[in-house]
Protein backbone atom coordinates (compact mmCIF):
# COMPACT_ATOMS: atom_id res chain seq x y z
CA UNK A 1 -38.61 -22.87 34.70
CA UNK A 2 -42.07 -23.25 32.93
CA UNK A 3 -44.25 -20.58 31.36
CA UNK A 4 -47.91 -20.33 31.28
CA UNK A 5 -49.25 -20.80 27.64
CA UNK A 6 -51.22 -17.36 27.89
CA UNK A 7 -48.39 -15.41 29.61
CA UNK A 8 -47.88 -13.36 26.36
CA UNK A 9 -51.46 -12.07 26.77
CA UNK A 10 -50.74 -10.94 30.38
CA UNK A 11 -47.56 -9.28 29.23
CA UNK A 12 -49.45 -7.22 26.49
CA UNK A 13 -52.15 -6.30 28.88
CA UNK A 14 -49.42 -5.00 31.43
CA UNK A 15 -47.75 -3.10 28.65
CA UNK A 16 -50.89 -1.38 27.57
CA UNK A 17 -51.62 -0.44 31.33
CA UNK A 18 -48.16 0.76 31.43
CA UNK A 19 -48.69 3.00 28.50
CA UNK A 20 -52.07 4.46 29.81
CA UNK A 21 -52.32 3.95 33.74
CA UNK A 22 -55.79 5.68 33.80
CA UNK A 23 -57.29 2.93 31.75
CA UNK A 24 -57.95 0.71 34.41
CA UNK A 25 -59.58 3.33 36.48
CA UNK A 26 -61.96 4.25 33.63
CA UNK A 27 -62.68 0.51 33.21
CA UNK A 28 -63.19 0.01 36.98
CA UNK A 29 -65.59 3.02 37.11
CA UNK A 30 -67.55 1.89 33.99
CA UNK A 31 -68.03 -1.71 35.38
CA UNK A 32 -68.71 -1.04 38.94
CA UNK A 33 -71.95 0.81 38.49
CA UNK A 34 -74.04 -2.09 36.85
CA UNK A 35 -72.81 -4.53 39.37
CA UNK A 36 -73.59 -1.99 42.30
CA UNK A 37 -77.20 -1.61 40.73
CA UNK A 38 -77.78 -5.41 40.36
CA UNK A 39 -76.46 -6.05 44.16
CA UNK A 40 -78.91 -3.09 45.35
CA UNK A 41 -81.82 -4.47 43.37
CA UNK A 42 -81.24 -7.96 44.54
CA UNK A 43 -81.71 -6.70 48.21
CA UNK A 44 -78.57 -8.63 49.31
CA UNK A 45 -75.15 -9.67 48.27
CA UNK A 46 -76.27 -13.33 47.82
CA UNK A 47 -78.27 -15.40 45.40
CA UNK A 48 -81.79 -17.06 46.31
CA UNK A 49 -80.82 -20.23 44.33
CA UNK A 50 -78.19 -22.92 44.75
CA UNK A 51 -76.30 -24.87 42.17
CA UNK A 52 -74.65 -23.24 39.21
CA UNK A 53 -77.20 -23.68 36.58
CA UNK A 54 -79.87 -22.04 38.71
CA UNK A 55 -77.52 -19.21 39.82
CA UNK A 56 -76.74 -18.68 36.20
CA UNK A 57 -80.39 -18.39 35.43
CA UNK A 58 -80.92 -16.06 38.33
CA UNK A 59 -78.03 -13.83 37.32
CA UNK A 60 -79.10 -13.80 33.67
CA UNK A 61 -82.59 -12.57 34.61
CA UNK A 62 -81.06 -9.80 36.92
CA UNK A 63 -78.96 -8.67 33.86
CA UNK A 64 -81.86 -8.82 31.51
CA UNK A 65 -84.09 -6.74 33.91
CA UNK A 66 -81.16 -4.24 34.30
CA UNK A 67 -80.76 -3.90 30.44
CA UNK A 68 -84.35 -3.37 30.01
CA UNK A 69 -84.56 -0.68 32.56
CA UNK A 70 -81.44 0.99 30.70
CA UNK A 71 -83.27 0.89 27.50
CA UNK A 72 -86.43 2.23 28.99
CA UNK A 73 -84.49 5.13 30.55
CA UNK A 74 -82.48 5.91 27.42
CA UNK A 75 -85.22 5.43 24.71
CA UNK A 76 -88.37 5.88 26.67
CA UNK A 77 -91.37 3.33 26.51
CA UNK A 78 -92.88 4.74 23.28
CA UNK A 79 -89.58 4.09 21.14
CA UNK A 80 -89.09 0.81 22.78
CA UNK A 81 -92.70 -0.38 21.85
CA UNK A 82 -92.12 0.85 18.29
CA UNK A 83 -88.78 -1.06 18.10
CA UNK A 84 -90.42 -4.31 19.10
CA UNK A 85 -91.72 -6.35 16.10
CA UNK A 86 -95.40 -7.19 16.17
C-alpha cells in the first residue's frame, strides 16, 4: 500500500471539517458570489480566447474589473481617487 505525500494535509482538513461542519457551507457561500458575478459579466460560461496564457490573461482582466468594481462600491469614487498616488 502506498500513501500520497500530502495525505496528512487532507486528513487535517477533514478533521477540521468534522469539528465544524458549517465551515464548508460558509466558504462555499463566500466563494460562489464572485464567480457567479464574473460569469454573468462575461455574458457566457466560456472564454473568448484559446490557449492557457490567453485564457489566464482574460481571467486576470475579469478579476481586476470585478475587484475595481468592489472597491468603487465599498469606498466610492472620491476615496478611490484620493488613494491613487499622483
